[in-house]
N, C-alpha and C. Protein backbone atom coordinates (compact mmCIF):
# COMPACT_ATOMS: atom_id res chain seq x y z
N MET A 1 23.63 -11.66 4.11
CA MET A 1 22.71 -11.74 5.17
C MET A 1 22.25 -11.20 6.45
N LYS A 2 23.71 -10.19 5.76
CA LYS A 2 23.74 -8.30 7.55
C LYS A 2 22.79 -7.85 7.44
N ASP A 3 22.15 -8.34 8.49
CA ASP A 3 21.55 -6.89 8.94
C ASP A 3 19.81 -7.54 8.69
N CYS A 4 20.11 -8.51 8.63
CA CYS A 4 18.82 -9.36 8.25
C CYS A 4 18.02 -9.63 9.33
N PHE A 5 16.64 -9.13 10.72
CA PHE A 5 16.67 -9.19 11.15
C PHE A 5 15.79 -10.78 11.14
N CYS A 6 15.02 -11.30 10.33
CA CYS A 6 14.54 -12.51 9.84
C CYS A 6 15.29 -13.45 10.39
N THR A 7 14.60 -14.91 10.97
CA THR A 7 14.25 -15.96 10.98
C THR A 7 14.72 -16.86 9.73
N LYS A 8 14.67 -16.08 8.97
CA LYS A 8 14.56 -17.45 7.03
C LYS A 8 16.10 -17.24 7.32
N THR A 9 16.44 -17.84 6.33
CA THR A 9 17.84 -18.82 5.73
C THR A 9 18.35 -17.93 4.94
N TYR A 10 17.42 -17.07 3.97
CA TYR A 10 17.36 -16.30 2.53
C TYR A 10 16.94 -15.07 2.75
N GLN A 11 17.44 -13.89 2.98
CA GLN A 11 16.81 -12.28 2.96
C GLN A 11 15.21 -12.21 2.33
N CYS A 12 14.51 -11.80 3.12
CA CYS A 12 13.84 -11.52 2.55
C CYS A 12 13.36 -10.07 2.53
N LEU A 13 11.91 -10.02 1.57
CA LEU A 13 11.46 -8.36 0.61
C LEU A 13 12.42 -7.73 1.94
N GLY A 14 11.72 -7.81 3.62
CA GLY A 14 11.44 -6.61 4.18
C GLY A 14 12.72 -5.97 4.24
N CYS A 15 13.59 -7.35 4.56
CA CYS A 15 15.13 -6.24 4.70
C CYS A 15 15.86 -5.97 3.32
N GLU A 16 15.69 -6.10 2.65
CA GLU A 16 15.69 -5.81 1.90
C GLU A 16 16.01 -4.28 1.15
N ARG A 17 13.89 -3.80 0.97
CA ARG A 17 13.79 -2.97 1.34
C ARG A 17 14.57 -2.43 2.41
N GLN A 18 14.61 -2.66 3.91
CA GLN A 18 15.57 -1.47 5.01
C GLN A 18 16.90 -1.68 4.13
N GLU A 19 17.09 -2.54 3.13
CA GLU A 19 19.21 -1.87 3.13
C GLU A 19 18.87 -0.88 1.91
N GLU A 20 17.55 -0.94 1.33
CA GLU A 20 17.57 0.08 0.13
C GLU A 20 17.67 1.05 1.18
N ARG A 21 16.54 1.70 1.86
CA ARG A 21 16.35 3.38 2.61
C ARG A 21 17.76 3.24 3.69
N LYS A 22 18.20 2.25 4.09
CA LYS A 22 20.17 3.05 4.59
C LYS A 22 20.54 3.25 3.65
N GLN A 23 20.92 2.27 2.26
CA GLN A 23 21.39 3.27 0.87
C GLN A 23 20.70 4.72 0.91
N ALA A 24 19.98 4.65 0.37
CA ALA A 24 19.57 6.22 -0.30
C ALA A 24 19.63 7.21 0.46
N ILE A 25 19.70 6.56 2.39
CA ILE A 25 19.85 7.80 3.08
C ILE A 25 21.29 8.48 3.22
N ALA A 26 22.09 7.32 3.48
CA ALA A 26 23.69 7.73 3.06
C ALA A 26 23.74 7.68 1.48
N GLU A 27 22.72 7.95 0.48
CA GLU A 27 23.40 8.86 -0.86
C GLU A 27 23.03 10.32 -0.30
N GLY A 28 21.37 10.49 0.43
CA GLY A 28 21.01 11.94 0.45
C GLY A 28 19.72 12.31 -0.19
N ARG A 29 19.22 10.69 -0.69
CA ARG A 29 18.04 10.59 -1.32
C ARG A 29 16.95 9.89 -0.77
N ALA A 30 15.69 11.11 -0.70
CA ALA A 30 14.61 10.15 -0.78
C ALA A 30 14.11 9.37 -0.59
N LEU A 31 13.17 8.70 -0.67
CA LEU A 31 12.23 7.27 -1.04
C LEU A 31 11.49 7.77 -0.96
N THR A 32 9.83 7.41 -1.64
CA THR A 32 8.86 8.46 -1.59
C THR A 32 7.48 7.25 -2.08
N ARG A 33 6.92 7.42 -1.09
CA ARG A 33 5.53 6.00 -1.60
C ARG A 33 5.01 6.92 -2.80
N LYS A 34 4.07 5.88 -3.86
CA LYS A 34 3.45 6.49 -4.53
C LYS A 34 2.76 6.44 -4.61
N ILE A 35 1.64 7.58 -4.93
CA ILE A 35 -0.08 8.10 -4.02
C ILE A 35 -0.81 7.11 -4.35
N ALA A 36 -1.58 7.55 -3.98
CA ALA A 36 -2.95 6.60 -4.46
C ALA A 36 -3.65 6.67 -5.72
N GLU A 37 -3.39 6.00 -6.64
CA GLU A 37 -4.55 6.57 -7.92
C GLU A 37 -6.03 6.25 -7.85
N CYS A 38 -6.38 7.74 -8.50
CA CYS A 38 -7.86 7.57 -8.20
C CYS A 38 -9.01 6.74 -8.75
N GLY A 39 -9.89 5.93 -8.49
CA GLY A 39 -10.26 4.88 -9.44
C GLY A 39 -10.41 2.90 -8.52
N THR A 40 -9.65 3.63 -7.18
CA THR A 40 -9.17 2.66 -7.04
C THR A 40 -9.76 2.38 -5.40
N ARG A 41 -9.20 1.56 -4.68
CA ARG A 41 -10.49 1.73 -3.15
C ARG A 41 -9.09 2.15 -2.18
N ALA A 42 -7.92 2.73 -2.88
CA ALA A 42 -6.83 2.68 -2.15
C ALA A 42 -7.05 4.32 -2.13
N GLY A 43 -7.48 5.03 -3.26
CA GLY A 43 -8.04 6.59 -3.64
C GLY A 43 -9.12 6.49 -2.58
N TYR A 44 -10.05 5.66 -2.28
CA TYR A 44 -10.58 6.30 -2.04
C TYR A 44 -10.60 6.86 -0.43
N ASN A 45 -9.90 5.55 -0.22
CA ASN A 45 -9.51 6.15 1.46
C ASN A 45 -8.81 6.95 1.78
N ARG A 46 -7.88 7.41 0.66
CA ARG A 46 -7.01 8.77 0.40
C ARG A 46 -8.18 9.33 0.39
N HIS A 47 -8.93 10.47 -0.52
CA HIS A 47 -9.75 11.20 -0.53
C HIS A 47 -10.37 10.95 1.27
N LEU A 48 -10.31 10.57 2.00
CA LEU A 48 -11.13 9.55 3.67
C LEU A 48 -9.98 10.61 4.02
N LYS A 49 -9.21 10.12 4.14
CA LYS A 49 -7.95 10.83 4.86
C LYS A 49 -7.37 12.06 5.14
N LEU A 50 -7.62 12.82 3.36
CA LEU A 50 -7.29 14.43 3.14
C LEU A 50 -8.76 14.92 3.50
N LYS A 51 -9.82 14.13 4.43
CA LYS A 51 -11.31 15.15 4.24
C LYS A 51 -11.40 16.06 3.20
N GLU A 52 -11.37 15.06 2.12
CA GLU A 52 -11.44 15.50 0.58
C GLU A 52 -12.75 14.73 0.03
N GLU A 53 -13.71 15.73 -0.76
CA GLU A 53 -14.81 14.57 -1.41
C GLU A 53 -14.78 13.63 -1.26
N THR A 54 -14.82 12.55 -2.34
CA THR A 54 -14.83 11.22 -2.68
C THR A 54 -15.05 11.61 -4.19
N CYS A 55 -14.39 11.12 -5.04
CA CYS A 55 -14.74 11.52 -6.41
C CYS A 55 -15.57 10.62 -6.82
N ALA A 56 -16.09 10.33 -7.86
CA ALA A 56 -17.29 9.28 -8.54
C ALA A 56 -15.94 7.00 -8.99
N ASP A 57 -15.44 7.60 -9.57
CA ASP A 57 -14.34 6.34 -9.48
C ASP A 57 -14.42 6.28 -8.37
N CYS A 58 -13.23 6.47 -7.51
CA CYS A 58 -13.41 6.23 -5.97
C CYS A 58 -14.58 5.86 -5.49
N ARG A 59 -15.48 6.48 -5.51
CA ARG A 59 -17.12 5.82 -5.31
C ARG A 59 -17.17 4.41 -5.34
N GLN A 60 -17.00 4.05 -7.50
CA GLN A 60 -17.34 3.31 -8.07
C GLN A 60 -16.34 2.50 -7.34
N ALA A 61 -15.11 2.36 -7.28
CA ALA A 61 -14.67 1.38 -6.98
C ALA A 61 -14.58 1.06 -5.30
N GLN A 62 -14.81 1.95 -3.95
CA GLN A 62 -14.62 0.97 -2.62
C GLN A 62 -16.77 0.65 -3.06
N LYS A 63 -17.31 0.81 -3.79
CA LYS A 63 -18.79 -0.02 -3.52
C LYS A 63 -18.59 -0.99 -4.71
N GLU A 64 -17.42 -1.26 -4.89
CA GLU A 64 -17.54 -2.52 -6.07
C GLU A 64 -16.49 -4.20 -5.07
N SER A 65 -16.08 -3.00 -4.24
CA SER A 65 -14.95 -3.88 -3.19
C SER A 65 -16.08 -4.68 -1.41
N VAL A 66 -16.52 -3.53 -1.64
CA VAL A 66 -17.61 -3.65 -0.75
C VAL A 66 -18.19 -5.08 -1.82
N MET A 67 -19.00 -4.74 -1.96
CA MET A 67 -20.02 -6.09 -2.41
C MET A 67 -19.40 -7.28 -3.33
N ARG A 68 -18.29 -7.10 -3.02
CA ARG A 68 -17.29 -7.88 -4.09
C ARG A 68 -16.91 -8.85 -2.23
N ALA A 69 -16.89 -8.43 -1.16
CA ALA A 69 -16.60 -8.27 0.18
C ALA A 69 -17.96 -9.53 0.51
N GLN A 70 -18.84 -8.69 0.33
CA GLN A 70 -20.40 -9.04 0.97
C GLN A 70 -20.77 -10.78 -0.04
N ALA A 71 -20.38 -10.75 -0.99
CA ALA A 71 -20.59 -12.16 -1.96
C ALA A 71 -19.83 -12.63 -1.61
N LYS A 72 -18.15 -12.74 -1.28
CA LYS A 72 -17.50 -13.84 -1.08
C LYS A 72 -17.83 -13.90 0.66
N ARG A 73 -18.79 -13.58 1.50
CA ARG A 73 -18.63 -13.81 3.37
C ARG A 73 -20.05 -14.81 2.82
N ARG A 74 -21.14 -14.08 1.82
CA ARG A 74 -22.15 -15.24 1.80
C ARG A 74 -21.63 -16.65 0.64
N ALA A 75 -21.16 -16.65 0.55
CA ALA A 75 -20.84 -18.18 -0.65
C ALA A 75 -20.03 -18.81 0.64
N ALA A 76 -19.58 -17.77 1.06
CA ALA A 76 -18.38 -19.01 2.75
C ALA A 76 -19.32 -19.88 3.36
């Protein structure tokens, strides 16, 4: 549990990720994130962030996500 800054008695996932990142930097390789795929809400947000026109699949995913959230709020 060295270099773990959390208060848990076991090493948390965040700290494991930090160690992985440190090791990758030491080995000279970069850690890359997975690019959000179209047809997901994350893909919709990626289009917005890059100031692109959203594709039909991403618009549909966003619409479904909003509809689920609204239904959940109504049910509560």
